[in-house]
C-alpha atoms as a PDB file:
ATOM      1  CA  MET A   1     106.252  93.805  78.299  1.00  0.00           C
ATOM      2  CA  GLU A   2     107.812  96.388  80.874  1.00  0.00           C
ATOM      3  CA  LYS A   3     106.919  95.299  84.754  1.00  0.00           C
ATOM      4  CA  ILE A   4     106.939  97.649  87.660  1.00  0.00           C
ATOM      5  CA  VAL A   5     107.159  96.721  91.285  1.00  0.00           C
ATOM      6  CA  ILE A   6     106.337  99.174  94.190  1.00  0.00           C
ATOM      7  CA  ALA A   7     107.450  97.916  97.341  1.00  0.00           C
ATOM      8  CA  PHE A   8     106.925  99.227 101.025  1.00  0.00           C
ATOM      9  CA  TRP A   9     109.359  98.573 103.776  1.00  0.00           C
ATOM     10  CA  ARG A  10     109.089  99.496 107.307  1.00  0.00           C
ATOM     11  CA  ILE A  11     112.472  99.026 109.018  1.00  0.00           C
ATOM     12  CA  LYS A  12     112.810  98.131 112.807  1.00  0.00           C
ATOM     13  CA  GLU A  13     114.203 101.496 114.291  1.00  0.00           C
ATOM     14  CA  SER A  14     116.685  99.481 116.312  1.00  0.00           C
ATOM     15  CA  GLU A  15     118.166  98.155 113.018  1.00  0.00           C
ATOM     16  CA  ALA A  16     118.109 101.042 110.708  1.00  0.00           C
ATOM     17  CA  GLU A  17     121.666 101.956 110.616  1.00  0.00           C
ATOM     18  CA  LYS A  18     122.764  98.374 109.645  1.00  0.00           C
ATOM     19  CA  ILE A  19     120.022  98.614 106.989  1.00  0.00           C
ATOM     20  CA  PHE A  20     120.776 101.960 105.553  1.00  0.00           C
ATOM     21  CA  HIS A  21     124.615 100.540 105.162  1.00  0.00           C
ATOM     22  CA  LEU A  22     123.163  97.833 103.012  1.00  0.00           C
ATOM     23  CA  LEU A  23     121.108  99.803 100.380  1.00  0.00           C
ATOM     24  CA  PRO A  24     123.925 101.253  98.045  1.00  0.00           C
ATOM     25  CA  ASP A  25     125.249  97.935  97.527  1.00  0.00           C
ATOM     26  CA  LEU A  26     121.793  96.429  96.714  1.00  0.00           C
ATOM     27  CA  VAL A  27     120.727  99.581  94.597  1.00  0.00           C
ATOM     28  CA  ASN A  28     124.152  99.292  92.542  1.00  0.00           C
ATOM     29  CA  LYS A  29     123.779  95.704  91.846  1.00  0.00           C
ATOM     30  CA  THR A  30     120.493  95.795  90.927  1.00  0.00           C
ATOM     31  CA  ARG A  31     120.902  98.622  88.702  1.00  0.00           C
ATOM     32  CA  GLY A  32     123.531  96.603  87.021  1.00  0.00           C
ATOM     33  CA  GLU A  33     121.143  93.688  86.156  1.00  0.00           C
ATOM     34  CA  ALA A  34     120.587  93.520  82.500  1.00  0.00           C
ATOM     35  CA  GLY A  35     116.975  93.450  82.765  1.00  0.00           C
ATOM     36  CA  ASN A  36     116.798  96.425  85.219  1.00  0.00           C
ATOM     37  CA  ILE A  37     115.570  99.589  83.890  1.00  0.00           C
ATOM     38  CA  SER A  38     115.174 101.710  87.043  1.00  0.00           C
ATOM     39  CA  TYR A  39     115.699 100.981  90.750  1.00  0.00           C
ATOM     40  CA  VAL A  40     114.918 103.744  93.242  1.00  0.00           C
ATOM     41  CA  ILE A  41     114.471 104.030  97.070  1.00  0.00           C
ATOM     42  CA  TYR A  42     112.470 106.828  98.400  1.00  0.00           C
ATOM     43  CA  GLN A  43     112.605 107.285 102.258  1.00  0.00           C
ATOM     44  CA  ALA A  44     109.424 108.897 104.099  1.00  0.00           C
ATOM     45  CA  GLU A  45     109.972 112.650 105.286  1.00  0.00           C
ATOM     46  CA  GLY A  46     107.799 111.734 108.452  1.00  0.00           C
ATOM     47  CA  ASN A  47     109.282 108.403 109.222  1.00  0.00           C
ATOM     48  CA  PRO A  48     112.957 107.734 108.120  1.00  0.00           C
ATOM     49  CA  CYS A  49     112.215 103.942 108.840  1.00  0.00           C
ATOM     50  CA  ASP A  50     109.691 103.791 106.069  1.00  0.00           C
ATOM     51  CA  LEU A  51     111.125 103.174 102.502  1.00  0.00           C
ATOM     52  CA  ILE A  52     109.054 103.160  99.012  1.00  0.00           C
ATOM     53  CA  LEU A  53     111.003 101.029  96.285  1.00  0.00           C
ATOM     54  CA  HIS A  54     110.112 101.966  92.823  1.00  0.00           C
ATOM     55  CA  GLU A  55     111.659  99.345  90.417  1.00  0.00           C
ATOM     56  CA  GLU A  56     111.239  98.839  86.518  1.00  0.00           C
ATOM     57  CA  TYR A  57     112.031  95.773  84.434  1.00  0.00           C
ATOM     58  CA  ILE A  58     111.919  94.908  80.957  1.00  0.00           C
ATOM     59  CA  ASN A  59     109.798  92.171  81.571  1.00  0.00           C
ATOM     60  CA  ALA A  60     108.418  89.453  83.893  1.00  0.00           C
ATOM     61  CA  GLU A  61     111.595  87.235  83.490  1.00  0.00           C
ATOM     62  CA  ALA A  62     113.641  90.149  84.495  1.00  0.00           C
ATOM     63  CA  VAL A  63     111.805  90.318  87.583  1.00  0.00           C
ATOM     64  CA  GLU A  64     112.225  86.781  88.550  1.00  0.00           C
ATOM     65  CA  ALA A  65     116.021  86.947  87.715  1.00  0.00           C
ATOM     66  CA  HIS A  66     116.282  89.856  90.172  1.00  0.00           C
ATOM     67  CA  LYS A  67     114.661  87.749  92.754  1.00  0.00           C
ATOM     68  CA  ASN A  68     116.995  84.829  91.941  1.00  0.00           C
ATOM     69  CA  SER A  69     120.268  87.066  92.038  1.00  0.00           C
ATOM     70  CA  ASP A  70     122.825  86.247  94.534  1.00  0.00           C
ATOM     71  CA  HIS A  71     122.741  89.728  95.554  1.00  0.00           C
ATOM     72  CA  TYR A  72     118.972  89.712  96.141  1.00  0.00           C
ATOM     73  CA  LYS A  73     119.464  86.316  98.006  1.00  0.00           C
ATOM     74  CA  GLN A  74     122.263  87.757 100.233  1.00  0.00           C
ATOM     75  CA  ILE A  75     121.492  91.259 100.902  1.00  0.00           C
ATOM     76  CA  VAL A  76     117.375  91.284 101.054  1.00  0.00           C
ATOM     77  CA  VAL A  77     116.467  87.926 101.685  1.00  0.00           C
ATOM     78  CA  ASP A  78     119.261  87.331 104.235  1.00  0.00           C
ATOM     79  CA  GLN A  79     119.960  90.695 105.759  1.00  0.00           C
ATOM     80  CA  ILE A  80     117.030  92.904 105.096  1.00  0.00           C
ATOM     81  CA  LEU A  81     113.743  90.907 105.253  1.00  0.00           C
ATOM     82  CA  PRO A  82     114.238  89.550 108.893  1.00  0.00           C
ATOM     83  CA  HIS A  83     114.487  93.122 110.071  1.00  0.00           C
ATOM     84  CA  LEU A  84     111.292  94.742 108.712  1.00  0.00           C
ATOM     85  CA  GLU A  85     108.126  95.132 110.697  1.00  0.00           C
ATOM     86  CA  LEU A  86     106.338  95.612 107.607  1.00  0.00           C
ATOM     87  CA  ARG A  87     106.619  94.763 103.860  1.00  0.00           C
ATOM     88  CA  ASP A  88     103.760  95.126 101.306  1.00  0.00           C
ATOM     89  CA  VAL A  89     105.155  94.300  97.539  1.00  0.00           C
ATOM     90  CA  GLN A  90     102.811  95.101  94.700  1.00  0.00           C
ATOM     91  CA  LEU A  91     103.174  94.756  90.886  1.00  0.00           C
ATOM     92  CA  VAL A  92     101.619  97.529  89.107  1.00  0.00           C
ATOM     93  CA  THR A  93     100.586  98.777  85.478  1.00  0.00           C
ATOM     94  CA  ARG A  94     101.329 102.195  84.596  1.00  0.00           C
ATOM     95  CA  LEU A  95      98.007 104.163  83.449  1.00  0.00           C
ATOM     96  CA  PHE A  96      99.282 107.505  82.518  1.00  0.00           C
END
């Protein structure tokens, strides 16, 4: 069954430029994963440090494979998460 992840990230303003340079590589590598359907990052118009990630995977195993991938660990865990003020991740179900 398809799995959808919605994540909210608030980047520390002092780290924004560094993080924005990492995002294209993260997006390209994630979109290349066998179980990925879609991976889109949105930026809030009122606060450029607020990002919303909308991720779709073919199943729960694909979500786990993403979280265990080398690029996720190297880019997100090692280089992005330490520079976030806020992070909220939700697994959601499409209603309509």
